[in-house]
Amino acid sequence: QVQLVESGGGLVQPGESLLLSCAASENMFNFNDMGWYRQAPGKERELVATINVGGVTNYAGFAEGRFTIFRNNDENTVYLQMIRLKPEDEAVYYCGARIPARRYWGQGTQVTVSS
């Protein structure tokens, strides 16, 4: 069973930064892509950013210019660097890993942006 373990969430003030980590229990190249998604209260889960097996990245519009997804192949870990955080970025952030026909999810990590 694939396990994805997120870490790095927390409480920050607007304008500050956070680095989220997602450690996979197996080789990342077993997945078509890995990425970050978020879900705010009362809203649907939405894409933040993905990185595929070839290293190609994809970002949601709100993430462009502020968020960066990258990976460490040796550690089977995907990161999400977030800068200039806004209150509207507050959500539970989930790591997802996709293979044909299904996606695995981590347990989520809370990001709170508040002054």
C-alpha atoms as a PDB file:
ATOM      1  CA  GLN A   1       0.000   0.000   0.000  1.00  0.00           C
ATOM      2  CA  VAL A   2       1.385   3.372  -1.040  1.00  0.00           C
ATOM      3  CA  GLN A   3       1.857   5.834   1.784  1.00  0.00           C
ATOM      4  CA  LEU A   4       2.299   9.568   1.409  1.00  0.00           C
ATOM      5  CA  VAL A   5       3.292  11.510   4.493  1.00  0.00           C
ATOM      6  CA  GLU A   6       2.979  15.285   4.432  1.00  0.00           C
ATOM      7  CA  SER A   7       4.651  17.684   6.792  1.00  0.00           C
ATOM      8  CA  GLY A   8       5.477  21.359   7.067  1.00  0.00           C
ATOM      9  CA  GLY A   9       2.097  22.951   7.567  1.00  0.00           C
ATOM     10  CA  GLY A  10       1.466  25.471  10.280  1.00  0.00           C
ATOM     11  CA  LEU A  11       0.380  28.965  11.201  1.00  0.00           C
ATOM     12  CA  VAL A  12       1.969  31.882   9.382  1.00  0.00           C
ATOM     13  CA  GLN A  13       1.194  35.526   8.902  1.00  0.00           C
ATOM     14  CA  PRO A  14       0.234  36.971   5.526  1.00  0.00           C
ATOM     15  CA  GLY A  15       3.295  37.491   3.372  1.00  0.00           C
ATOM     16  CA  GLU A  16       5.297  34.734   5.020  1.00  0.00           C
ATOM     17  CA  SER A  17       6.513  31.458   3.540  1.00  0.00           C
ATOM     18  CA  LEU A  18       6.128  27.736   4.164  1.00  0.00           C
ATOM     19  CA  LEU A  19       7.761  24.635   2.768  1.00  0.00           C
ATOM     20  CA  LEU A  20       5.579  21.528   2.583  1.00  0.00           C
ATOM     21  CA  SER A  21       7.070  18.051   2.176  1.00  0.00           C
ATOM     22  CA  CYS A  22       5.535  14.809   0.970  1.00  0.00           C
ATOM     23  CA  ALA A  23       7.499  11.615   1.480  1.00  0.00           C
ATOM     24  CA  ALA A  24       6.417   8.623  -0.584  1.00  0.00           C
ATOM     25  CA  SER A  25       6.823   5.052   0.613  1.00  0.00           C
ATOM     26  CA  GLU A  26       8.065   3.900  -2.772  1.00  0.00           C
ATOM     27  CA  ASN A  27       9.988   5.125  -5.773  1.00  0.00           C
ATOM     28  CA  MET A  28       8.366   8.273  -7.132  1.00  0.00           C
ATOM     29  CA  PHE A  29       8.979   7.121 -10.681  1.00  0.00           C
ATOM     30  CA  ASN A  30       6.319   4.473 -10.132  1.00  0.00           C
ATOM     31  CA  PHE A  31       3.781   7.303 -10.355  1.00  0.00           C
ATOM     32  CA  ASN A  32       2.682   9.200 -13.440  1.00  0.00           C
ATOM     33  CA  ASP A  33       2.782  12.349 -11.411  1.00  0.00           C
ATOM     34  CA  MET A  34       2.781  13.667  -7.877  1.00  0.00           C
ATOM     35  CA  GLY A  35       1.323  16.883  -6.720  1.00  0.00           C
ATOM     36  CA  TRP A  36      -0.265  19.110  -4.176  1.00  0.00           C
ATOM     37  CA  TYR A  37      -3.942  19.832  -3.782  1.00  0.00           C
ATOM     38  CA  ARG A  38      -5.803  21.864  -1.226  1.00  0.00           C
ATOM     39  CA  GLN A  39      -9.231  22.002   0.316  1.00  0.00           C
ATOM     40  CA  ALA A  40     -10.624  24.932   2.217  1.00  0.00           C
ATOM     41  CA  PRO A  41     -13.686  24.593   4.476  1.00  0.00           C
ATOM     42  CA  GLY A  42     -16.847  24.368   2.413  1.00  0.00           C
ATOM     43  CA  LYS A  43     -14.959  24.123  -0.853  1.00  0.00           C
ATOM     44  CA  GLU A  44     -13.943  21.318  -3.148  1.00  0.00           C
ATOM     45  CA  ARG A  45     -10.424  19.990  -3.302  1.00  0.00           C
ATOM     46  CA  GLU A  46      -8.445  21.819  -5.970  1.00  0.00           C
ATOM     47  CA  LEU A  47      -5.177  21.403  -7.781  1.00  0.00           C
ATOM     48  CA  VAL A  48      -2.238  23.466  -6.597  1.00  0.00           C
ATOM     49  CA  ALA A  49       0.680  22.021  -8.551  1.00  0.00           C
ATOM     50  CA  THR A  50       1.899  18.761 -10.034  1.00  0.00           C
ATOM     51  CA  ILE A  51       5.187  17.386 -11.284  1.00  0.00           C
ATOM     52  CA  ASN A  52       5.249  14.423 -13.641  1.00  0.00           C
ATOM     53  CA  VAL A  53       7.715  11.620 -14.096  1.00  0.00           C
ATOM     54  CA  GLY A  54       9.581  13.703 -16.662  1.00  0.00           C
ATOM     55  CA  GLY A  55       9.876  16.648 -14.307  1.00  0.00           C
ATOM     56  CA  VAL A  56       7.306  18.786 -16.096  1.00  0.00           C
ATOM     57  CA  THR A  57       5.397  20.993 -13.690  1.00  0.00           C
ATOM     58  CA  ASN A  58       1.878  22.342 -13.812  1.00  0.00           C
ATOM     59  CA  TYR A  59       0.428  25.077 -11.610  1.00  0.00           C
ATOM     60  CA  ALA A  60      -2.972  26.449 -10.830  1.00  0.00           C
ATOM     61  CA  GLY A  61      -3.322  30.099 -11.712  1.00  0.00           C
ATOM     62  CA  PHE A  62      -3.251  31.246  -8.101  1.00  0.00           C
ATOM     63  CA  ALA A  63      -0.014  29.337  -7.537  1.00  0.00           C
ATOM     64  CA  GLU A  64       1.923  30.756 -10.468  1.00  0.00           C
ATOM     65  CA  GLY A  65       4.746  32.978  -9.290  1.00  0.00           C
ATOM     66  CA  ARG A  66       4.261  32.230  -5.602  1.00  0.00           C
ATOM     67  CA  PHE A  67       4.451  28.447  -5.284  1.00  0.00           C
ATOM     68  CA  THR A  68       7.149  26.107  -6.550  1.00  0.00           C
ATOM     69  CA  ILE A  69       6.914  22.327  -6.697  1.00  0.00           C
ATOM     70  CA  PHE A  70      10.110  20.324  -6.823  1.00  0.00           C
ATOM     71  CA  ARG A  71      11.340  16.902  -5.827  1.00  0.00           C
ATOM     72  CA  ASN A  72      14.263  15.039  -4.383  1.00  0.00           C
ATOM     73  CA  ASN A  73      14.508  11.768  -6.270  1.00  0.00           C
ATOM     74  CA  ASP A  74      16.908  10.174  -3.820  1.00  0.00           C
ATOM     75  CA  GLU A  75      14.510  10.786  -0.933  1.00  0.00           C
ATOM     76  CA  ASN A  76      11.283  10.099  -2.867  1.00  0.00           C
ATOM     77  CA  THR A  77      10.032  13.412  -1.589  1.00  0.00           C
ATOM     78  CA  VAL A  78       8.073  16.162  -3.291  1.00  0.00           C
ATOM     79  CA  TYR A  79       8.100  19.670  -1.917  1.00  0.00           C
ATOM     80  CA  LEU A  80       5.915  22.727  -2.255  1.00  0.00           C
ATOM     81  CA  GLN A  81       7.606  26.009  -1.507  1.00  0.00           C
ATOM     82  CA  MET A  82       5.023  28.695  -0.863  1.00  0.00           C
ATOM     83  CA  ILE A  83       5.906  32.369  -0.580  1.00  0.00           C
ATOM     84  CA  ARG A  84       3.863  35.537  -0.072  1.00  0.00           C
ATOM     85  CA  LEU A  85       1.073  33.532   1.504  1.00  0.00           C
ATOM     86  CA  LYS A  86      -2.379  35.076   1.617  1.00  0.00           C
ATOM     87  CA  PRO A  87      -5.339  34.414   3.898  1.00  0.00           C
ATOM     88  CA  GLU A  88      -7.114  32.787   0.964  1.00  0.00           C
ATOM     89  CA  ASP A  89      -4.337  30.187   0.806  1.00  0.00           C
ATOM     90  CA  GLU A  90      -5.541  28.797   4.110  1.00  0.00           C
ATOM     91  CA  ALA A  91      -6.581  25.175   3.612  1.00  0.00           C
ATOM     92  CA  VAL A  92      -5.650  21.581   4.242  1.00  0.00           C
ATOM     93  CA  TYR A  93      -2.948  20.711   1.724  1.00  0.00           C
ATOM     94  CA  TYR A  94      -2.869  17.161   0.427  1.00  0.00           C
ATOM     95  CA  CYS A  95      -0.187  15.298  -1.425  1.00  0.00           C
ATOM     96  CA  GLY A  96      -1.430  13.111  -4.267  1.00  0.00           C
ATOM     97  CA  ALA A  97       0.313  10.471  -6.360  1.00  0.00           C
ATOM     98  CA  ARG A  98      -1.284   9.214  -9.564  1.00  0.00           C
ATOM     99  CA  ILE A  99      -1.050   5.919 -11.368  1.00  0.00           C
ATOM    100  CA  PRO A 100      -3.383   4.877 -14.176  1.00  0.00           C
ATOM    101  CA  ALA A 101      -6.904   4.431 -12.770  1.00  0.00           C
ATOM    102  CA  ARG A 102      -6.315   5.838  -9.295  1.00  0.00           C
ATOM    103  CA  ARG A 103      -4.723   8.474  -7.127  1.00  0.00           C
ATOM    104  CA  TYR A 104      -3.278   7.973  -3.687  1.00  0.00           C
ATOM    105  CA  TRP A 105      -3.629  10.647  -1.016  1.00  0.00           C
ATOM    106  CA  GLY A 106      -1.775  11.650   2.067  1.00  0.00           C
ATOM    107  CA  GLN A 107      -3.492  12.590   5.301  1.00  0.00           C
ATOM    108  CA  GLY A 108      -3.151  16.335   4.691  1.00  0.00           C
ATOM    109  CA  THR A 109      -1.399  19.134   6.490  1.00  0.00           C
ATOM    110  CA  GLN A 110      -3.100  22.297   7.701  1.00  0.00           C
ATOM    111  CA  VAL A 111      -1.895  25.668   6.481  1.00  0.00           C
ATOM    112  CA  THR A 112      -3.287  28.632   8.386  1.00  0.00           C
ATOM    113  CA  VAL A 113      -2.589  32.176   7.229  1.00  0.00           C
ATOM    114  CA  SER A 114      -3.655  34.732   9.751  1.00  0.00           C
ATOM    115  CA  SER A 115      -2.399  37.878  11.399  1.00  0.00           C
END
